[in-house]
Structure formats: structure tokens, C-alpha cells
Amino acid sequence: MRLAGIDAPELDGSARCEKAQRKQLAASKNPPWCDFQLGNESRDALKNLIGQGYVTIERFGKDAYGRTLAHIYVNERDAGKYLITWGLARQWVK
């Protein structure tokens, strides 16, 4: 599953970061964000948020890789917007 509307930092071992190093993603509107420490912080913040209450998943499609796109809400709070607010994700560019 992929959180819709956000771009979060990549985790260590990301294939996107390896492709970026080989300049295979040069024309991407959303180039990989290869800050692995921040990627870990983003993942951990999302885990922590999800553990704080009632979770609602609003699925609405699939991305180019077949992953489910969804908005996740915790106690009606949008998890993607939460990560953006804390600098742990940024808005996805269409």
C-alpha cells in the first residue's frame, strides 16, 4: 500500500536511489528523496501515529506498480498531512 498524495524519504536499499545514482530518473517530477535517516524517522512517525487510535483506510486505486493507493486516517487525522506538517514527507507532484 502507498499513501496517496505524499512523497516520503526513501529507506536504505531503495532501488529508486540506486537508479537515481545511475541517472535513470533524471526527468522525474518526483525524484527520489534519498535521506535514509529521515526515511526511518518518517516510517517510525507513521507507526507511532497509527498506534494512537482508530485507523481508517480509504482505498481508491493503484499506482503504476500495482500498489494500492490510499489515504490513512487516525482518529480522523490524515496521516499524509501529518507527515508533511512535521517535514517527514512532501506533497506528491502529479
N, C-alpha and C. Protein backbone atom coordinates (compact mmCIF):
# COMPACT_ATOMS: atom_id res chain seq x y z
N MET A 1 0.85 -1.18 0.00
CA MET A 1 0.00 0.00 0.00
C MET A 1 0.90 1.24 0.00
N ARG A 2 0.39 2.28 -0.63
CA ARG A 2 1.12 3.54 -0.72
C ARG A 2 0.20 4.68 -0.28
N LEU A 3 0.72 5.55 0.59
CA LEU A 3 -0.05 6.72 1.00
C LEU A 3 -0.18 7.66 -0.19
N ALA A 4 -1.39 8.01 -0.53
CA ALA A 4 -1.65 8.86 -1.68
C ALA A 4 -1.31 10.31 -1.37
N GLY A 5 -0.78 11.00 -2.37
CA GLY A 5 -0.57 12.44 -2.28
C GLY A 5 0.70 12.88 -1.59
N ILE A 6 1.52 11.92 -1.14
CA ILE A 6 2.76 12.32 -0.47
C ILE A 6 3.96 11.63 -1.10
N ASP A 7 5.11 12.22 -0.85
CA ASP A 7 6.39 11.66 -1.22
C ASP A 7 7.22 11.64 0.05
N ALA A 8 7.53 10.47 0.53
CA ALA A 8 8.31 10.33 1.76
C ALA A 8 9.75 9.95 1.40
N PRO A 9 10.69 10.24 2.28
CA PRO A 9 12.08 9.86 2.01
C PRO A 9 12.22 8.35 1.85
N GLU A 10 13.15 7.96 1.00
CA GLU A 10 13.40 6.54 0.75
C GLU A 10 14.09 5.90 1.96
N LEU A 11 13.95 4.58 2.05
CA LEU A 11 14.65 3.80 3.07
C LEU A 11 15.94 3.25 2.47
N ASP A 12 16.88 2.90 3.32
CA ASP A 12 18.16 2.35 2.87
C ASP A 12 17.92 1.14 1.98
N GLY A 13 18.64 1.07 0.88
CA GLY A 13 18.49 -0.04 -0.05
C GLY A 13 17.46 0.23 -1.13
N SER A 14 16.96 1.43 -1.20
CA SER A 14 15.93 1.80 -2.17
C SER A 14 16.44 1.66 -3.61
N ALA A 15 15.68 0.96 -4.41
CA ALA A 15 16.01 0.82 -5.83
C ALA A 15 15.91 2.17 -6.54
N ARG A 16 15.00 3.04 -6.09
CA ARG A 16 14.88 4.37 -6.70
C ARG A 16 16.16 5.18 -6.50
N CYS A 17 16.79 5.07 -5.36
CA CYS A 17 18.03 5.81 -5.11
C CYS A 17 19.16 5.25 -5.97
N GLU A 18 19.19 3.95 -6.13
CA GLU A 18 20.20 3.34 -6.99
C GLU A 18 20.02 3.78 -8.44
N LYS A 19 18.78 3.85 -8.90
CA LYS A 19 18.50 4.30 -10.27
C LYS A 19 18.88 5.77 -10.42
N ALA A 20 18.63 6.57 -9.40
CA ALA A 20 18.97 7.99 -9.45
C ALA A 20 20.47 8.19 -9.57
N GLN A 21 21.23 7.36 -8.86
CA GLN A 21 22.69 7.45 -8.95
C GLN A 21 23.16 7.14 -10.36
N ARG A 22 22.42 6.29 -11.07
CA ARG A 22 22.77 5.95 -12.46
C ARG A 22 22.09 6.90 -13.44
N LYS A 23 21.45 7.94 -12.91
CA LYS A 23 20.77 8.98 -13.69
C LYS A 23 19.62 8.43 -14.55
N GLN A 24 18.97 7.38 -14.07
CA GLN A 24 17.84 6.80 -14.80
C GLN A 24 16.53 7.49 -14.47
N LEU A 25 16.51 8.36 -13.47
CA LEU A 25 15.28 9.05 -13.08
C LEU A 25 15.43 10.56 -13.24
N ALA A 26 16.31 11.00 -14.09
CA ALA A 26 16.62 12.43 -14.23
C ALA A 26 15.41 13.28 -14.58
N ALA A 27 14.46 12.75 -15.34
CA ALA A 27 13.31 13.54 -15.78
C ALA A 27 12.10 13.42 -14.85
N SER A 28 12.23 12.72 -13.75
CA SER A 28 11.10 12.50 -12.85
C SER A 28 10.65 13.79 -12.17
N LYS A 29 9.33 14.00 -12.08
CA LYS A 29 8.78 15.13 -11.33
C LYS A 29 8.97 14.94 -9.84
N ASN A 30 9.13 13.69 -9.43
CA ASN A 30 9.32 13.33 -8.03
C ASN A 30 10.59 12.49 -7.90
N PRO A 31 11.76 13.13 -8.01
CA PRO A 31 12.99 12.35 -7.89
C PRO A 31 13.09 11.74 -6.50
N PRO A 32 13.81 10.65 -6.38
CA PRO A 32 13.92 10.01 -5.06
C PRO A 32 14.54 10.93 -4.02
N TRP A 33 14.00 10.84 -2.84
CA TRP A 33 14.45 11.63 -1.70
C TRP A 33 15.30 10.68 -0.87
N CYS A 34 16.60 10.66 -1.12
CA CYS A 34 17.49 9.64 -0.57
C CYS A 34 18.14 10.06 0.75
N ASP A 35 17.33 10.47 1.69
CA ASP A 35 17.78 10.79 3.04
C ASP A 35 17.30 9.63 3.92
N PHE A 36 18.17 8.62 4.05
CA PHE A 36 17.76 7.38 4.71
C PHE A 36 17.42 7.56 6.19
N GLN A 37 18.13 8.43 6.87
CA GLN A 37 17.81 8.69 8.28
C GLN A 37 16.41 9.28 8.40
N LEU A 38 16.11 10.26 7.55
CA LEU A 38 14.78 10.87 7.57
C LEU A 38 13.72 9.86 7.14
N GLY A 39 14.07 8.96 6.23
CA GLY A 39 13.15 7.90 5.83
C GLY A 39 12.78 7.02 7.02
N ASN A 40 13.76 6.69 7.84
CA ASN A 40 13.49 5.91 9.05
C ASN A 40 12.61 6.68 10.03
N GLU A 41 12.89 7.98 10.17
CA GLU A 41 12.09 8.82 11.07
C GLU A 41 10.65 8.91 10.58
N SER A 42 10.47 9.04 9.27
CA SER A 42 9.13 9.12 8.68
C SER A 42 8.36 7.82 8.94
N ARG A 43 9.01 6.69 8.67
CA ARG A 43 8.39 5.38 8.91
C ARG A 43 8.00 5.22 10.37
N ASP A 44 8.91 5.59 11.27
CA ASP A 44 8.65 5.43 12.70
C ASP A 44 7.53 6.36 13.17
N ALA A 45 7.48 7.58 12.62
CA ALA A 45 6.41 8.52 12.98
C ALA A 45 5.05 7.98 12.53
N LEU A 46 5.01 7.39 11.35
CA LEU A 46 3.76 6.81 10.87
C LEU A 46 3.33 5.63 11.75
N LYS A 47 4.27 4.77 12.10
CA LYS A 47 3.96 3.66 13.01
C LYS A 47 3.40 4.17 14.33
N ASN A 48 4.05 5.19 14.88
CA ASN A 48 3.62 5.77 16.15
C ASN A 48 2.22 6.37 16.03
N LEU A 49 1.97 7.12 14.96
CA LEU A 49 0.66 7.72 14.75
C LEU A 49 -0.42 6.65 14.66
N ILE A 50 -0.16 5.60 13.89
CA ILE A 50 -1.15 4.53 13.71
C ILE A 50 -1.47 3.85 15.04
N GLY A 51 -0.50 3.80 15.93
CA GLY A 51 -0.72 3.19 17.23
C GLY A 51 -1.50 4.05 18.20
N GLN A 52 -1.88 5.26 17.80
CA GLN A 52 -2.53 6.19 18.72
C GLN A 52 -4.05 6.20 18.66
N GLY A 53 -4.64 5.38 17.82
CA GLY A 53 -6.10 5.44 17.80
C GLY A 53 -6.74 4.62 16.71
N TYR A 54 -7.96 5.00 16.39
CA TYR A 54 -8.78 4.30 15.42
C TYR A 54 -8.29 4.63 14.01
N VAL A 55 -7.96 3.60 13.23
CA VAL A 55 -7.41 3.78 11.89
C VAL A 55 -8.47 3.50 10.84
N THR A 56 -8.58 4.41 9.88
CA THR A 56 -9.46 4.24 8.74
C THR A 56 -8.60 4.30 7.48
N ILE A 57 -8.80 3.35 6.58
CA ILE A 57 -8.08 3.33 5.31
C ILE A 57 -9.09 3.55 4.20
N GLU A 58 -8.82 4.55 3.39
CA GLU A 58 -9.69 4.90 2.28
C GLU A 58 -8.94 4.58 0.98
N ARG A 59 -9.22 3.40 0.43
CA ARG A 59 -8.54 2.96 -0.81
C ARG A 59 -9.25 3.56 -2.01
N PHE A 60 -8.46 3.91 -3.06
CA PHE A 60 -9.13 4.46 -4.23
C PHE A 60 -8.45 4.16 -5.56
N GLY A 61 -7.50 3.29 -5.60
CA GLY A 61 -6.89 2.95 -6.88
C GLY A 61 -5.55 2.27 -6.69
N LYS A 62 -4.82 2.16 -7.79
CA LYS A 62 -3.49 1.54 -7.76
C LYS A 62 -2.51 2.44 -8.49
N ASP A 63 -1.25 2.35 -8.09
CA ASP A 63 -0.23 3.12 -8.78
C ASP A 63 0.32 2.32 -9.96
N ALA A 64 1.32 2.86 -10.62
CA ALA A 64 1.88 2.22 -11.82
C ALA A 64 2.52 0.86 -11.52
N TYR A 65 2.82 0.60 -10.25
CA TYR A 65 3.45 -0.66 -9.86
C TYR A 65 2.46 -1.65 -9.25
N GLY A 66 1.17 -1.30 -9.29
CA GLY A 66 0.14 -2.19 -8.77
C GLY A 66 -0.12 -2.07 -7.28
N ARG A 67 0.53 -1.12 -6.62
CA ARG A 67 0.30 -0.94 -5.17
C ARG A 67 -0.99 -0.17 -4.95
N THR A 68 -1.72 -0.53 -3.92
CA THR A 68 -2.94 0.17 -3.56
C THR A 68 -2.61 1.59 -3.10
N LEU A 69 -3.33 2.57 -3.65
CA LEU A 69 -3.22 3.96 -3.20
C LEU A 69 -4.31 4.21 -2.19
N ALA A 70 -3.96 4.84 -1.09
CA ALA A 70 -4.95 5.06 -0.04
C ALA A 70 -4.60 6.28 0.80
N HIS A 71 -5.63 6.83 1.40
CA HIS A 71 -5.46 7.81 2.46
C HIS A 71 -5.67 7.04 3.75
N ILE A 72 -4.84 7.33 4.73
CA ILE A 72 -4.97 6.71 6.05
C ILE A 72 -5.29 7.80 7.04
N TYR A 73 -6.28 7.55 7.86
CA TYR A 73 -6.69 8.49 8.89
C TYR A 73 -6.57 7.81 10.25
N VAL A 74 -6.08 8.54 11.23
CA VAL A 74 -6.01 8.06 12.60
C VAL A 74 -6.81 9.04 13.44
N ASN A 75 -7.90 8.54 14.01
CA ASN A 75 -8.82 9.42 14.74
C ASN A 75 -9.21 10.61 13.85
N GLU A 76 -9.49 10.32 12.60
CA GLU A 76 -9.91 11.29 11.57
C GLU A 76 -8.81 12.27 11.16
N ARG A 77 -7.59 12.04 11.58
CA ARG A 77 -6.46 12.89 11.20
C ARG A 77 -5.75 12.24 10.01
N ASP A 78 -5.54 12.99 8.93
CA ASP A 78 -4.89 12.48 7.72
C ASP A 78 -3.40 12.22 7.99
N ALA A 79 -2.99 10.96 7.88
CA ALA A 79 -1.61 10.59 8.19
C ALA A 79 -0.61 11.24 7.22
N GLY A 80 -0.97 11.37 5.96
CA GLY A 80 -0.08 12.00 4.99
C GLY A 80 0.17 13.46 5.33
N LYS A 81 -0.89 14.18 5.65
CA LYS A 81 -0.75 15.60 6.02
C LYS A 81 0.05 15.74 7.32
N TYR A 82 -0.14 14.80 8.23
CA TYR A 82 0.62 14.80 9.47
C TYR A 82 2.12 14.71 9.17
N LEU A 83 2.51 13.78 8.29
CA LEU A 83 3.92 13.62 7.95
C LEU A 83 4.47 14.88 7.26
N ILE A 84 3.68 15.47 6.38
CA ILE A 84 4.10 16.70 5.70
C ILE A 84 4.31 17.82 6.72
N THR A 85 3.38 17.96 7.66
CA THR A 85 3.48 19.01 8.68
C THR A 85 4.78 18.92 9.46
N TRP A 86 5.24 17.71 9.74
CA TRP A 86 6.46 17.51 10.52
C TRP A 86 7.72 17.43 9.65
N GLY A 87 7.59 17.68 8.36
CA GLY A 87 8.76 17.65 7.47
C GLY A 87 9.25 16.26 7.17
N LEU A 88 8.38 15.27 7.38
CA LEU A 88 8.75 13.86 7.16
C LEU A 88 8.21 13.32 5.85
N ALA A 89 7.59 14.18 5.07
CA ALA A 89 7.10 13.86 3.73
C ALA A 89 6.85 15.19 3.04
N ARG A 90 6.65 15.13 1.73
CA ARG A 90 6.30 16.33 0.97
C ARG A 90 5.17 15.99 0.02
N GLN A 91 4.55 17.00 -0.51
CA GLN A 91 3.42 16.81 -1.42
C GLN A 91 3.91 16.13 -2.70
N TRP A 92 3.16 15.14 -3.18
CA TRP A 92 3.48 14.44 -4.42
C TRP A 92 3.14 15.34 -5.59
N VAL A 93 4.04 15.46 -6.55
CA VAL A 93 3.82 16.28 -7.73
C VAL A 93 3.26 15.40 -8.83
N LYS A 94 2.09 15.79 -9.36
CA LYS A 94 1.46 14.99 -10.42
C LYS A 94 2.04 15.32 -11.76
